[in-house]
Every structure is written in C-alpha cells, then in structure tokens.
Amino acid sequence: MKLKIINKSNNPLPKYESEQAAGMDIRCNIAEPITLAPMERKLIPTGLYIELPAGFEAQIRPRSGLALKRGLTVLNTPGTIDADYRGEVGVILINLSGEPQTIEPGERICQMVIAKHETPEVVEVKELSDTERGAGGFGHSGRK
C-alpha cells in the first residue's frame, strides 16, 4: 500500500521511529511556539494532506511521552481521517497538566496509525442473539 502525502510544511515526511512501530510520528507546522494553558485545547496544523485507499483510515493518536511527561494529549483519541478527506490534517491537542505547556515549531505532536476497516451493510432486526454477558455494561465483571 502507498500513502500519498502532500507536505506543505518545512518538516520531513511522517516516519516510523522504529522498525516495528505501528504509528508514524507527525510534526506540527507552526511558525512560532504555541503555549497551551492548563485544560486549554487548540487545533494544531501539520501542513500534511493525505490520500488513503478506500477501506483504510488514518487514526491520530497521542504520543505516550508527551502524555506522561507533559500532560499533552490528543483530545478526540483516536481522531479518524477518512479515505475521502483531502483537507489538511489537524490535531486537537489539550493540556491536561497543571502547568502551561509550549509546543515548538516542528515538534512531534502525535502519531498516525493506518488501519483497514470494514463497511458493513446495516440491517435492522427485532432482537439480537443471546450471549453469556448479555446487556452487562461498564463494570459488569466486577473488580478482580
């Protein structure tokens, strides 16, 4: 599979940082540093435009180091980029820490995972098959 990318930033193309990484790092495309106050969120541009084959999506996910060390995470995790979207990839970052956090130009702000998906035929029915779990929801199995 080939991922077509237009790169309107001065950053290198997204890349995998290790041989078996599932996600490739994405950098921000900003001219000046951006500071996020605690609990502040902003749409951060990347300068990237992608074309995915039908049946695939790009998932935008947080970088674990940013989340742990600085409290910066992707708000709508995972953010989904559909195969028919051709606009700029933007990343909604939020600062969950108690301190202001500054994002520097060209900083790696998230990772992108390419995933295959199905498009099922939706069929309305009157009942669903029984399972052992049934309608048991959040916390139904208790604390173990």
N, C-alpha and C. Protein backbone atom coordinates (compact mmCIF):
# COMPACT_ATOMS: atom_id res chain seq x y z
N MET A 1 0.85 -1.18 0.00
CA MET A 1 0.00 0.00 0.00
C MET A 1 0.89 1.24 0.00
N LYS A 2 0.48 2.25 -0.73
CA LYS A 2 1.19 3.52 -0.74
C LYS A 2 0.29 4.58 -0.13
N LEU A 3 0.88 5.41 0.72
CA LEU A 3 0.18 6.54 1.32
C LEU A 3 0.67 7.79 0.61
N LYS A 4 -0.22 8.43 -0.13
CA LYS A 4 0.16 9.65 -0.85
C LYS A 4 0.05 10.84 0.11
N ILE A 5 1.11 11.67 0.15
CA ILE A 5 1.14 12.82 1.05
C ILE A 5 1.61 14.05 0.31
N ILE A 6 0.88 15.14 0.48
CA ILE A 6 1.37 16.47 0.09
C ILE A 6 1.88 17.09 1.37
N ASN A 7 3.12 17.57 1.35
CA ASN A 7 3.73 18.16 2.55
C ASN A 7 3.97 19.64 2.30
N LYS A 8 3.12 20.49 2.89
CA LYS A 8 3.26 21.94 2.75
C LYS A 8 4.00 22.55 3.94
N SER A 9 4.61 21.72 4.76
CA SER A 9 5.38 22.19 5.90
C SER A 9 6.86 22.17 5.55
N ASN A 10 7.69 22.66 6.45
CA ASN A 10 9.14 22.56 6.29
C ASN A 10 9.68 21.34 7.02
N ASN A 11 8.80 20.49 7.52
CA ASN A 11 9.19 19.30 8.28
C ASN A 11 9.38 18.11 7.35
N PRO A 12 10.13 17.10 7.79
CA PRO A 12 10.24 15.88 6.99
C PRO A 12 8.89 15.15 6.96
N LEU A 13 8.76 14.24 6.01
CA LEU A 13 7.54 13.43 5.95
C LEU A 13 7.39 12.62 7.24
N PRO A 14 6.15 12.26 7.59
CA PRO A 14 5.96 11.37 8.75
C PRO A 14 6.76 10.10 8.56
N LYS A 15 7.29 9.57 9.68
CA LYS A 15 8.06 8.33 9.57
C LYS A 15 7.92 7.52 10.83
N TYR A 16 8.20 6.23 10.67
CA TYR A 16 8.20 5.31 11.80
C TYR A 16 9.55 5.45 12.50
N GLU A 17 9.53 5.60 13.81
CA GLU A 17 10.76 5.82 14.57
C GLU A 17 11.47 4.53 14.94
N SER A 18 10.80 3.39 14.77
CA SER A 18 11.46 2.09 14.96
C SER A 18 10.90 1.11 13.94
N GLU A 19 11.61 0.04 13.72
CA GLU A 19 11.27 -0.91 12.67
C GLU A 19 9.87 -1.51 12.82
N GLN A 20 9.41 -1.74 14.05
CA GLN A 20 8.12 -2.39 14.25
C GLN A 20 7.06 -1.45 14.84
N ALA A 21 7.30 -0.15 14.74
CA ALA A 21 6.32 0.82 15.25
C ALA A 21 5.03 0.75 14.44
N ALA A 22 3.90 0.86 15.13
CA ALA A 22 2.60 0.85 14.46
C ALA A 22 2.24 2.25 13.95
N GLY A 23 2.72 3.27 14.64
CA GLY A 23 2.38 4.64 14.29
C GLY A 23 3.59 5.43 13.82
N MET A 24 3.36 6.31 12.86
CA MET A 24 4.42 7.21 12.41
C MET A 24 4.21 8.57 13.08
N ASP A 25 5.30 9.20 13.46
CA ASP A 25 5.22 10.48 14.14
C ASP A 25 4.86 11.61 13.18
N ILE A 26 4.00 12.50 13.66
CA ILE A 26 3.55 13.67 12.91
C ILE A 26 4.04 14.91 13.65
N ARG A 27 4.56 15.88 12.90
CA ARG A 27 5.08 17.12 13.47
C ARG A 27 4.12 18.27 13.21
N CYS A 28 4.16 19.25 14.10
CA CYS A 28 3.31 20.43 13.92
C CYS A 28 3.93 21.36 12.88
N ASN A 29 3.08 22.12 12.22
CA ASN A 29 3.51 23.09 11.22
C ASN A 29 3.12 24.48 11.73
N ILE A 30 3.95 25.02 12.62
CA ILE A 30 3.69 26.34 13.19
C ILE A 30 4.95 27.19 13.05
N ALA A 31 4.76 28.49 12.85
CA ALA A 31 5.90 29.40 12.68
C ALA A 31 6.46 29.85 14.02
N GLU A 32 5.62 29.93 15.04
CA GLU A 32 6.01 30.40 16.38
C GLU A 32 5.57 29.37 17.41
N PRO A 33 6.21 29.30 18.54
CA PRO A 33 5.74 28.39 19.61
C PRO A 33 4.30 28.72 20.01
N ILE A 34 3.58 27.70 20.40
CA ILE A 34 2.21 27.85 20.90
C ILE A 34 2.19 27.33 22.33
N THR A 35 1.68 28.14 23.26
CA THR A 35 1.58 27.72 24.65
C THR A 35 0.12 27.42 24.97
N LEU A 36 -0.10 26.23 25.52
CA LEU A 36 -1.43 25.82 25.97
C LEU A 36 -1.49 25.93 27.48
N ALA A 37 -2.44 26.69 27.98
CA ALA A 37 -2.67 26.79 29.42
C ALA A 37 -3.28 25.48 29.90
N PRO A 38 -3.27 25.21 31.20
CA PRO A 38 -3.92 24.00 31.71
C PRO A 38 -5.38 23.93 31.23
N MET A 39 -5.77 22.79 30.73
CA MET A 39 -7.11 22.48 30.22
C MET A 39 -7.46 23.22 28.93
N GLU A 40 -6.50 23.91 28.32
CA GLU A 40 -6.74 24.58 27.04
C GLU A 40 -6.52 23.60 25.90
N ARG A 41 -7.33 23.73 24.85
CA ARG A 41 -7.19 22.90 23.67
C ARG A 41 -7.09 23.80 22.44
N LYS A 42 -6.35 23.32 21.44
CA LYS A 42 -6.19 24.06 20.18
C LYS A 42 -6.03 23.08 19.04
N LEU A 43 -6.50 23.51 17.88
CA LEU A 43 -6.28 22.75 16.66
C LEU A 43 -4.90 23.13 16.13
N ILE A 44 -4.01 22.16 16.04
CA ILE A 44 -2.63 22.40 15.63
C ILE A 44 -2.46 21.91 14.19
N PRO A 45 -2.02 22.79 13.29
CA PRO A 45 -1.84 22.38 11.90
C PRO A 45 -0.59 21.52 11.70
N THR A 46 -0.63 20.68 10.67
CA THR A 46 0.53 19.83 10.35
C THR A 46 1.13 20.15 8.99
N GLY A 47 0.37 20.79 8.12
CA GLY A 47 0.85 21.04 6.76
C GLY A 47 0.79 19.80 5.89
N LEU A 48 0.15 18.74 6.38
CA LEU A 48 0.07 17.47 5.64
C LEU A 48 -1.33 17.26 5.09
N TYR A 49 -1.38 16.73 3.88
CA TYR A 49 -2.62 16.36 3.19
C TYR A 49 -2.39 14.95 2.70
N ILE A 50 -3.33 14.04 2.99
CA ILE A 50 -3.09 12.63 2.65
C ILE A 50 -4.19 12.08 1.77
N GLU A 51 -3.85 11.03 1.03
CA GLU A 51 -4.81 10.29 0.23
C GLU A 51 -4.66 8.82 0.58
N LEU A 52 -5.70 8.29 1.21
CA LEU A 52 -5.72 6.87 1.60
C LEU A 52 -6.53 6.06 0.59
N PRO A 53 -6.18 4.80 0.39
CA PRO A 53 -7.02 3.94 -0.44
C PRO A 53 -8.36 3.68 0.26
N ALA A 54 -9.39 3.40 -0.52
CA ALA A 54 -10.69 3.03 0.03
C ALA A 54 -10.52 1.83 0.95
N GLY A 55 -11.26 1.82 2.06
CA GLY A 55 -11.18 0.71 3.02
C GLY A 55 -10.14 0.92 4.10
N PHE A 56 -9.47 2.09 4.09
CA PHE A 56 -8.48 2.41 5.11
C PHE A 56 -8.83 3.73 5.79
N GLU A 57 -8.34 3.89 7.00
CA GLU A 57 -8.46 5.15 7.73
C GLU A 57 -7.11 5.45 8.35
N ALA A 58 -6.89 6.71 8.67
CA ALA A 58 -5.71 7.11 9.44
C ALA A 58 -6.22 7.49 10.82
N GLN A 59 -5.63 6.90 11.85
CA GLN A 59 -6.00 7.21 13.23
C GLN A 59 -4.93 8.11 13.83
N ILE A 60 -5.35 9.24 14.39
CA ILE A 60 -4.44 10.17 15.04
C ILE A 60 -4.49 9.88 16.53
N ARG A 61 -3.33 9.55 17.10
CA ARG A 61 -3.24 9.13 18.50
C ARG A 61 -2.19 9.94 19.24
N PRO A 62 -2.29 10.00 20.57
CA PRO A 62 -1.28 10.72 21.35
C PRO A 62 0.07 10.03 21.29
N ARG A 63 1.10 10.79 21.57
CA ARG A 63 2.43 10.23 21.81
C ARG A 63 2.53 9.99 23.31
N SER A 64 2.90 8.80 23.71
CA SER A 64 2.88 8.45 25.12
C SER A 64 3.83 9.32 25.95
N GLY A 65 4.98 9.66 25.40
CA GLY A 65 5.93 10.50 26.14
C GLY A 65 5.38 11.89 26.43
N LEU A 66 4.70 12.49 25.44
CA LEU A 66 4.08 13.81 25.66
C LEU A 66 2.98 13.72 26.71
N ALA A 67 2.21 12.66 26.66
CA ALA A 67 1.12 12.50 27.62
C ALA A 67 1.65 12.32 29.04
N LEU A 68 2.63 11.45 29.20
CA LEU A 68 3.16 11.16 30.53
C LEU A 68 3.98 12.32 31.09
N LYS A 69 4.91 12.82 30.30
CA LYS A 69 5.85 13.82 30.81
C LYS A 69 5.28 15.23 30.86
N ARG A 70 4.36 15.56 29.92
CA ARG A 70 3.90 16.95 29.84
C ARG A 70 2.38 17.12 29.93
N GLY A 71 1.64 16.02 29.94
CA GLY A 71 0.18 16.12 30.03
C GLY A 71 -0.48 16.56 28.74
N LEU A 72 0.23 16.49 27.62
CA LEU A 72 -0.35 16.86 26.32
C LEU A 72 -0.88 15.61 25.64
N THR A 73 -2.14 15.68 25.20
CA THR A 73 -2.73 14.52 24.55
C THR A 73 -3.66 14.98 23.43
N VAL A 74 -4.05 14.04 22.59
CA VAL A 74 -4.99 14.30 21.51
C VAL A 74 -6.39 14.18 22.09
N LEU A 75 -7.20 15.21 21.91
CA LEU A 75 -8.49 15.26 22.58
C LEU A 75 -9.47 14.21 22.08
N ASN A 76 -9.63 14.05 20.80
CA ASN A 76 -10.61 13.09 20.26
C ASN A 76 -9.91 11.80 19.83
N THR A 77 -9.32 11.15 20.80
CA THR A 77 -8.50 9.99 20.50
C THR A 77 -9.32 8.72 20.31
N PRO A 78 -9.07 7.92 19.27
CA PRO A 78 -8.26 8.34 18.13
C PRO A 78 -9.09 9.20 17.18
N GLY A 79 -8.46 10.23 16.67
CA GLY A 79 -9.10 11.02 15.62
C GLY A 79 -9.04 10.22 14.33
N THR A 80 -10.11 10.20 13.58
CA THR A 80 -10.17 9.42 12.35
C THR A 80 -10.11 10.33 11.13
N ILE A 81 -9.23 9.98 10.19
CA ILE A 81 -9.18 10.64 8.90
C ILE A 81 -9.70 9.64 7.89
N ASP A 82 -10.80 9.97 7.24
CA ASP A 82 -11.43 9.08 6.28
C ASP A 82 -10.70 9.11 4.94
N ALA A 83 -10.86 8.04 4.16
CA ALA A 83 -10.18 7.91 2.88
C ALA A 83 -10.58 8.99 1.88
N ASP A 84 -11.77 9.57 2.04
CA ASP A 84 -12.20 10.59 1.08
C ASP A 84 -11.91 12.02 1.53
N TYR A 85 -11.24 12.22 2.66
CA TYR A 85 -10.88 13.56 3.15
C TYR A 85 -9.60 14.02 2.47
N ARG A 86 -9.60 15.25 1.97
CA ARG A 86 -8.42 15.78 1.28
C ARG A 86 -7.90 17.08 1.89
N GLY A 87 -8.46 17.51 3.02
CA GLY A 87 -8.00 18.73 3.66
C GLY A 87 -6.76 18.49 4.49
N GLU A 88 -6.28 19.57 5.10
CA GLU A 88 -5.09 19.48 5.95
C GLU A 88 -5.38 18.64 7.20
N VAL A 89 -4.43 17.82 7.57
CA VAL A 89 -4.53 17.06 8.81
C VAL A 89 -4.28 18.03 9.96
N GLY A 90 -5.28 18.17 10.82
CA GLY A 90 -5.15 18.99 12.02
C GLY A 90 -5.25 18.10 13.24
N VAL A 91 -4.59 18.50 14.31
CA VAL A 91 -4.54 17.69 15.52
C VAL A 91 -5.06 18.52 16.69
N ILE A 92 -6.11 18.04 17.37
CA ILE A 92 -6.65 18.75 18.53
C ILE A 92 -5.86 18.32 19.75
N LEU A 93 -4.97 19.21 20.22
CA LEU A 93 -4.19 18.93 21.43
C LEU A 93 -4.84 19.61 22.62
N ILE A 94 -4.75 18.95 23.78
CA ILE A 94 -5.21 19.53 25.03
C ILE A 94 -4.12 19.34 26.08
N ASN A 95 -4.00 20.33 26.94
CA ASN A 95 -3.03 20.30 28.03
C ASN A 95 -3.77 19.87 29.29
N LEU A 96 -3.56 18.65 29.72
CA LEU A 96 -4.21 18.12 30.93
C LEU A 96 -3.34 18.31 32.17
N SER A 97 -2.19 18.95 32.02
CA SER A 97 -1.32 19.17 33.18
C SER A 97 -1.77 20.42 33.94
N GLY A 98 -1.15 20.68 35.05
CA GLY A 98 -1.44 21.86 35.85
C GLY A 98 -0.56 23.04 35.49
N GLU A 99 0.30 22.89 34.48
CA GLU A 99 1.25 23.94 34.08
C GLU A 99 1.06 24.27 32.60
N PRO A 100 1.35 25.51 32.19
CA PRO A 100 1.35 25.82 30.76
C PRO A 100 2.37 24.94 30.04
N GLN A 101 2.04 24.51 28.84
CA GLN A 101 2.93 23.67 28.03
C GLN A 101 3.13 24.33 26.67
N THR A 102 4.37 24.45 26.25
CA THR A 102 4.69 25.10 24.98
C THR A 102 5.06 24.07 23.92
N ILE A 103 4.44 24.21 22.76
CA ILE A 103 4.72 23.36 21.60
C ILE A 103 5.63 24.17 20.69
N GLU A 104 6.75 23.58 20.33
CA GLU A 104 7.74 24.26 19.49
C GLU A 104 7.51 23.93 18.02
N PRO A 105 7.87 24.85 17.12
CA PRO A 105 7.76 24.56 15.68
C PRO A 105 8.49 23.26 15.33
N GLY A 106 7.82 22.41 14.54
CA GLY A 106 8.42 21.15 14.11
C GLY A 106 8.41 20.03 15.12
N GLU A 107 7.84 20.28 16.31
CA GLU A 107 7.81 19.25 17.35
C GLU A 107 6.88 18.10 16.95
N ARG A 108 7.27 16.88 17.34
CA ARG A 108 6.41 15.71 17.11
C ARG A 108 5.26 15.78 18.13
N ILE A 109 4.01 15.85 17.61
CA ILE A 109 2.87 16.09 18.49
C ILE A 109 1.91 14.91 18.60
N CYS A 110 2.01 13.96 17.69
CA CYS A 110 1.09 12.82 17.72
C CYS A 110 1.66 11.72 16.85
N GLN A 111 0.94 10.63 16.77
CA GLN A 111 1.31 9.58 15.84
C GLN A 111 0.10 9.22 14.99
N MET A 112 0.38 8.69 13.82
CA MET A 112 -0.67 8.32 12.88
C MET A 112 -0.55 6.83 12.58
N VAL A 113 -1.65 6.11 12.80
CA VAL A 113 -1.72 4.68 12.51
C VAL A 113 -2.67 4.49 11.34
N ILE A 114 -2.23 3.75 10.33
CA ILE A 114 -3.09 3.44 9.18
C ILE A 114 -3.74 2.08 9.45
N ALA A 115 -5.08 2.05 9.35
CA ALA A 115 -5.81 0.83 9.69
C ALA A 115 -6.85 0.51 8.62
N LYS A 116 -6.99 -0.77 8.32
CA LYS A 116 -8.03 -1.24 7.42
C LYS A 116 -9.35 -1.29 8.20
N HIS A 117 -10.44 -1.02 7.53
CA HIS A 117 -11.74 -1.12 8.19
C HIS A 117 -12.77 -1.71 7.23
N GLU A 118 -13.83 -2.19 7.79
CA GLU A 118 -14.93 -2.74 7.01
C GLU A 118 -16.07 -1.73 6.93
N THR A 119 -16.88 -1.85 5.90
CA THR A 119 -18.08 -1.03 5.77
C THR A 119 -19.26 -2.01 5.67
N PRO A 120 -19.84 -2.37 6.82
CA PRO A 120 -20.89 -3.40 6.81
C PRO A 120 -22.21 -2.87 6.25
N GLU A 121 -23.02 -3.79 5.81
CA GLU A 121 -24.39 -3.47 5.45
C GLU A 121 -25.17 -3.41 6.77
N VAL A 122 -25.86 -2.32 7.02
CA VAL A 122 -26.63 -2.16 8.25
C VAL A 122 -28.01 -2.77 8.05
N VAL A 123 -28.38 -3.70 8.95
CA VAL A 123 -29.64 -4.42 8.85
C VAL A 123 -30.41 -4.23 10.15
N GLU A 124 -31.61 -3.70 10.09
CA GLU A 124 -32.43 -3.55 11.28
C GLU A 124 -33.11 -4.87 11.60
N VAL A 125 -33.04 -5.28 12.89
CA VAL A 125 -33.67 -6.51 13.35
C VAL A 125 -34.50 -6.21 14.59
N LYS A 126 -35.32 -7.18 15.00
CA LYS A 126 -36.17 -7.02 16.19
C LYS A 126 -35.49 -7.51 17.46
N GLU A 127 -34.52 -8.43 17.34
CA GLU A 127 -33.79 -8.93 18.51
C GLU A 127 -32.40 -9.39 18.11
N LEU A 128 -31.53 -9.47 19.13
CA LEU A 128 -30.15 -9.90 18.94
C LEU A 128 -29.96 -11.26 19.59
N SER A 129 -28.93 -11.98 19.18
CA SER A 129 -28.67 -13.29 19.77
C SER A 129 -28.24 -13.13 21.22
N ASP A 130 -28.47 -14.17 22.03
CA ASP A 130 -28.10 -14.16 23.44
C ASP A 130 -26.61 -14.48 23.59
N THR A 131 -25.99 -13.90 24.62
CA THR A 131 -24.62 -14.23 25.00
C THR A 131 -24.57 -14.37 26.51
N GLU A 132 -23.48 -14.90 27.02
CA GLU A 132 -23.33 -15.03 28.47
C GLU A 132 -23.31 -13.65 29.13
N ARG A 133 -22.68 -12.70 28.50
CA ARG A 133 -22.60 -11.34 29.06
C ARG A 133 -23.94 -10.62 28.97
N GLY A 134 -24.65 -10.80 27.88
CA GLY A 134 -25.92 -10.13 27.71
C GLY A 134 -25.74 -8.61 27.63
N ALA A 135 -26.55 -7.89 28.41
CA ALA A 135 -26.52 -6.42 28.39
C ALA A 135 -25.61 -5.85 29.47
N GLY A 136 -24.78 -6.68 30.11
CA GLY A 136 -23.88 -6.20 31.15
C GLY A 136 -22.96 -5.11 30.62
N GLY A 137 -22.97 -3.95 31.26
CA GLY A 137 -22.21 -2.80 30.77
C GLY A 137 -20.97 -2.53 31.58
N PHE A 138 -20.66 -1.26 31.74
CA PHE A 138 -19.45 -0.82 32.43
C PHE A 138 -19.37 -1.44 33.83
N GLY A 139 -18.27 -2.11 34.10
CA GLY A 139 -18.04 -2.68 35.43
C GLY A 139 -18.82 -3.95 35.70
N HIS A 140 -19.43 -4.53 34.68
CA HIS A 140 -20.28 -5.69 34.91
C HIS A 140 -19.53 -6.91 35.44
N SER A 141 -18.23 -7.00 35.16
CA SER A 141 -17.49 -8.19 35.61
C SER A 141 -16.84 -8.00 36.98
N GLY A 142 -17.05 -6.85 37.59
CA GLY A 142 -16.51 -6.62 38.93
C GLY A 142 -15.05 -6.26 38.92
N ARG A 143 -14.49 -6.20 40.11
CA ARG A 143 -13.08 -5.85 40.30
C ARG A 143 -12.29 -7.11 40.63
N LYS A 144 -11.28 -7.39 39.88
CA LYS A 144 -10.55 -8.65 40.08
C LYS A 144 -9.11 -8.41 40.39
